[in-house]
Structures are given as structure tokens and as C-alpha cells.
Amino acid sequence: MDDEPLSDWAERRDAKIGRLRAVPIAPDQGPKGAHVNPDAPRAIERWNGHSWEPYGFAANLNDAKHLLYPGVAGDPEPPKGPAPKLLGSGRGRHRKPQPPR
């Protein structure tokens, strides 16, 4: 057969053991996108190869990110100052850029 050897599959599966995820703690809600309710407390769960098991706790999304991604800098700050004006006046999707003067 042209199937992948079982040992290759087992290596890939075992590489995922120990992964962490943050899940919002709210009644009647399961895992959701990280952007949903960023101030809610988070349960940190660890993949054991068969299911997600409790691993830790974070007070909010920012604290959870520090646990999940250690050593990674925080969110970059947006550039300061006004945004450059590239489009002409008016509303709508089809505004044409201003010609150079």
C-alpha cells in the first residue's frame, strides 16, 4: 500500500503532546476565538495525547498569552500620529486616489 508508516504517524502525534491552549471560563460556553471577551478569565489546558486536561489558570487573555507564548514580545503598539490621507473626499468603496499635484 501507499500508506504512511505507522511510526511516522506516531511521531507526528507525539509531537503534539504537551501543547497548551487557553479557554474562556464562562458557563455553557466551550472554546471560542481568542478575541471573544478578552477580559474573561482563562483556563489553560494541555493536550495529553487523548484529551485536553486542566493545566493552569490566567486572569485574562493577555496573561494567557504570556503563559502560552513565553519570550514573545507583547502586542506591537500602533504607529503614533495621524494616518496618511491617500484617498479623495467622500464615502464609498470606489473612491479614486488623489492625483499627484
C-alpha atoms as a PDB file:
ATOM      1  CA  MET A   1       0.000   0.000   0.000  1.00  0.00           C
ATOM      2  CA  ASP A   2       0.967   3.628  -0.365  1.00  0.00           C
ATOM      3  CA  ASP A   3       0.000   4.452   3.202  1.00  0.00           C
ATOM      4  CA  GLU A   4       2.356   6.249   5.507  1.00  0.00           C
ATOM      5  CA  PRO A   5       4.236   4.045   8.002  1.00  0.00           C
ATOM      6  CA  LEU A   6       2.660   3.887  11.444  1.00  0.00           C
ATOM      7  CA  SER A   7       5.900   5.054  13.065  1.00  0.00           C
ATOM      8  CA  ASP A   8       5.788   8.358  11.093  1.00  0.00           C
ATOM      9  CA  TRP A   9       2.202   8.944  12.174  1.00  0.00           C
ATOM     10  CA  ALA A  10       3.062   8.161  15.809  1.00  0.00           C
ATOM     11  CA  GLU A  11       5.951  10.664  15.755  1.00  0.00           C
ATOM     12  CA  ARG A  12       3.648  13.394  14.453  1.00  0.00           C
ATOM     13  CA  ARG A  13       1.017  12.549  17.057  1.00  0.00           C
ATOM     14  CA  ASP A  14       3.537  12.507  19.899  1.00  0.00           C
ATOM     15  CA  ALA A  15       4.959  15.871  18.808  1.00  0.00           C
ATOM     16  CA  LYS A  16       1.595  17.450  19.670  1.00  0.00           C
ATOM     17  CA  ILE A  17       1.583  16.157  23.246  1.00  0.00           C
ATOM     18  CA  GLY A  18       2.106  18.997  25.690  1.00  0.00           C
ATOM     19  CA  ARG A  19       0.552  21.746  23.562  1.00  0.00           C
ATOM     20  CA  LEU A  20      -1.309  24.373  25.548  1.00  0.00           C
ATOM     21  CA  ARG A  21      -4.492  26.310  24.804  1.00  0.00           C
ATOM     22  CA  ALA A  22      -6.464  28.979  26.645  1.00  0.00           C
ATOM     23  CA  VAL A  23     -10.218  28.523  27.014  1.00  0.00           C
ATOM     24  CA  PRO A  24     -12.502  31.258  28.411  1.00  0.00           C
ATOM     25  CA  ILE A  25     -14.147  30.309  31.679  1.00  0.00           C
ATOM     26  CA  ALA A  26     -17.847  31.012  31.231  1.00  0.00           C
ATOM     27  CA  PRO A  27     -20.892  28.876  31.911  1.00  0.00           C
ATOM     28  CA  ASP A  28     -22.339  26.999  28.926  1.00  0.00           C
ATOM     29  CA  GLN A  29     -19.506  28.045  26.609  1.00  0.00           C
ATOM     30  CA  GLY A  30     -16.766  25.943  25.093  1.00  0.00           C
ATOM     31  CA  PRO A  31     -13.594  27.016  23.335  1.00  0.00           C
ATOM     32  CA  LYS A  32     -14.057  30.242  21.382  1.00  0.00           C
ATOM     33  CA  GLY A  33     -11.848  32.611  19.429  1.00  0.00           C
ATOM     34  CA  ALA A  34      -9.200  34.436  21.438  1.00  0.00           C
ATOM     35  CA  HIS A  35     -10.748  37.812  20.631  1.00  0.00           C
ATOM     36  CA  VAL A  36     -14.068  36.910  22.290  1.00  0.00           C
ATOM     37  CA  ASN A  37     -14.294  38.533  25.737  1.00  0.00           C
ATOM     38  CA  PRO A  38     -10.557  39.251  26.260  1.00  0.00           C
ATOM     39  CA  ASP A  39     -11.093  40.270  29.905  1.00  0.00           C
ATOM     40  CA  ALA A  40     -12.625  36.920  30.899  1.00  0.00           C
ATOM     41  CA  PRO A  41     -10.524  34.519  32.976  1.00  0.00           C
ATOM     42  CA  ARG A  42      -8.972  31.639  31.034  1.00  0.00           C
ATOM     43  CA  ALA A  43      -8.348  28.012  31.845  1.00  0.00           C
ATOM     44  CA  ILE A  44      -5.056  26.797  30.412  1.00  0.00           C
ATOM     45  CA  GLU A  45      -5.414  23.261  29.075  1.00  0.00           C
ATOM     46  CA  ARG A  46      -2.716  20.801  27.999  1.00  0.00           C
ATOM     47  CA  TRP A  47      -3.081  18.122  25.319  1.00  0.00           C
ATOM     48  CA  ASN A  48      -2.095  14.723  26.759  1.00  0.00           C
ATOM     49  CA  GLY A  49      -2.406  12.791  23.507  1.00  0.00           C
ATOM     50  CA  HIS A  50      -6.050  11.831  24.026  1.00  0.00           C
ATOM     51  CA  SER A  51      -7.859  14.824  25.528  1.00  0.00           C
ATOM     52  CA  TRP A  52      -7.359  18.341  26.900  1.00  0.00           C
ATOM     53  CA  GLU A  53      -6.630  18.317  30.642  1.00  0.00           C
ATOM     54  CA  PRO A  54      -6.547  21.269  33.101  1.00  0.00           C
ATOM     55  CA  TYR A  55      -3.074  22.750  33.393  1.00  0.00           C
ATOM     56  CA  GLY A  56      -3.329  26.272  34.789  1.00  0.00           C
ATOM     57  CA  PHE A  57      -5.269  29.491  35.087  1.00  0.00           C
ATOM     58  CA  ALA A  58      -4.913  33.031  33.689  1.00  0.00           C
ATOM     59  CA  ALA A  59      -6.792  36.159  34.764  1.00  0.00           C
ATOM     60  CA  ASN A  60      -7.359  37.397  31.187  1.00  0.00           C
ATOM     61  CA  LEU A  61      -6.284  36.931  27.576  1.00  0.00           C
ATOM     62  CA  ASN A  62      -3.087  38.951  27.973  1.00  0.00           C
ATOM     63  CA  ASP A  63      -1.926  36.811  30.900  1.00  0.00           C
ATOM     64  CA  ALA A  64      -2.841  33.676  28.950  1.00  0.00           C
ATOM     65  CA  LYS A  65      -0.714  34.808  26.004  1.00  0.00           C
ATOM     66  CA  HIS A  66       2.281  35.205  28.329  1.00  0.00           C
ATOM     67  CA  LEU A  67       1.818  31.603  29.501  1.00  0.00           C
ATOM     68  CA  LEU A  68       1.217  30.167  26.025  1.00  0.00           C
ATOM     69  CA  TYR A  69       3.977  32.090  24.231  1.00  0.00           C
ATOM     70  CA  PRO A  70       6.824  32.762  26.691  1.00  0.00           C
ATOM     71  CA  GLY A  71       9.551  35.057  25.453  1.00  0.00           C
ATOM     72  CA  VAL A  72       7.422  36.622  22.720  1.00  0.00           C
ATOM     73  CA  ALA A  73       7.061  40.383  22.900  1.00  0.00           C
ATOM     74  CA  GLY A  74       3.611  41.810  23.622  1.00  0.00           C
ATOM     75  CA  ASP A  75       1.293  43.304  21.069  1.00  0.00           C
ATOM     76  CA  PRO A  76       3.067  45.919  18.936  1.00  0.00           C
ATOM     77  CA  GLU A  77       1.988  49.492  19.555  1.00  0.00           C
ATOM     78  CA  PRO A  78       0.161  51.182  16.694  1.00  0.00           C
ATOM     79  CA  PRO A  79       2.113  53.970  14.979  1.00  0.00           C
ATOM     80  CA  LYS A  80       1.579  57.376  16.530  1.00  0.00           C
ATOM     81  CA  GLY A  81       0.279  60.355  14.623  1.00  0.00           C
ATOM     82  CA  PRO A  82      -2.466  60.792  12.059  1.00  0.00           C
ATOM     83  CA  ALA A  83      -2.970  58.231   9.330  1.00  0.00           C
ATOM     84  CA  PRO A  84      -1.815  59.340   5.873  1.00  0.00           C
ATOM     85  CA  LYS A  85      -4.592  60.632   3.634  1.00  0.00           C
ATOM     86  CA  LEU A  86      -4.422  58.578   0.462  1.00  0.00           C
ATOM     87  CA  LEU A  87      -7.983  58.669  -0.825  1.00  0.00           C
ATOM     88  CA  GLY A  88     -10.146  61.516  -2.077  1.00  0.00           C
ATOM     89  CA  SER A  89     -13.005  63.014  -0.134  1.00  0.00           C
ATOM     90  CA  GLY A  90     -16.370  61.324   0.038  1.00  0.00           C
ATOM     91  CA  ARG A  91     -17.647  57.925   1.001  1.00  0.00           C
ATOM     92  CA  GLY A  92     -17.801  54.597  -0.716  1.00  0.00           C
ATOM     93  CA  ARG A  93     -15.598  51.766  -1.854  1.00  0.00           C
ATOM     94  CA  HIS A  94     -14.869  53.185  -5.258  1.00  0.00           C
ATOM     95  CA  ARG A  95     -13.137  56.433  -4.337  1.00  0.00           C
ATOM     96  CA  LYS A  96     -10.246  57.131  -6.619  1.00  0.00           C
ATOM     97  CA  PRO A  97      -6.834  58.055  -5.230  1.00  0.00           C
ATOM     98  CA  GLN A  98      -5.911  61.727  -5.452  1.00  0.00           C
ATOM     99  CA  PRO A  99      -3.695  62.520  -8.456  1.00  0.00           C
ATOM    100  CA  PRO A 100      -0.265  63.921  -7.564  1.00  0.00           C
ATOM    101  CA  ARG A 101      -0.136  67.720  -7.596  1.00  0.00           C
END
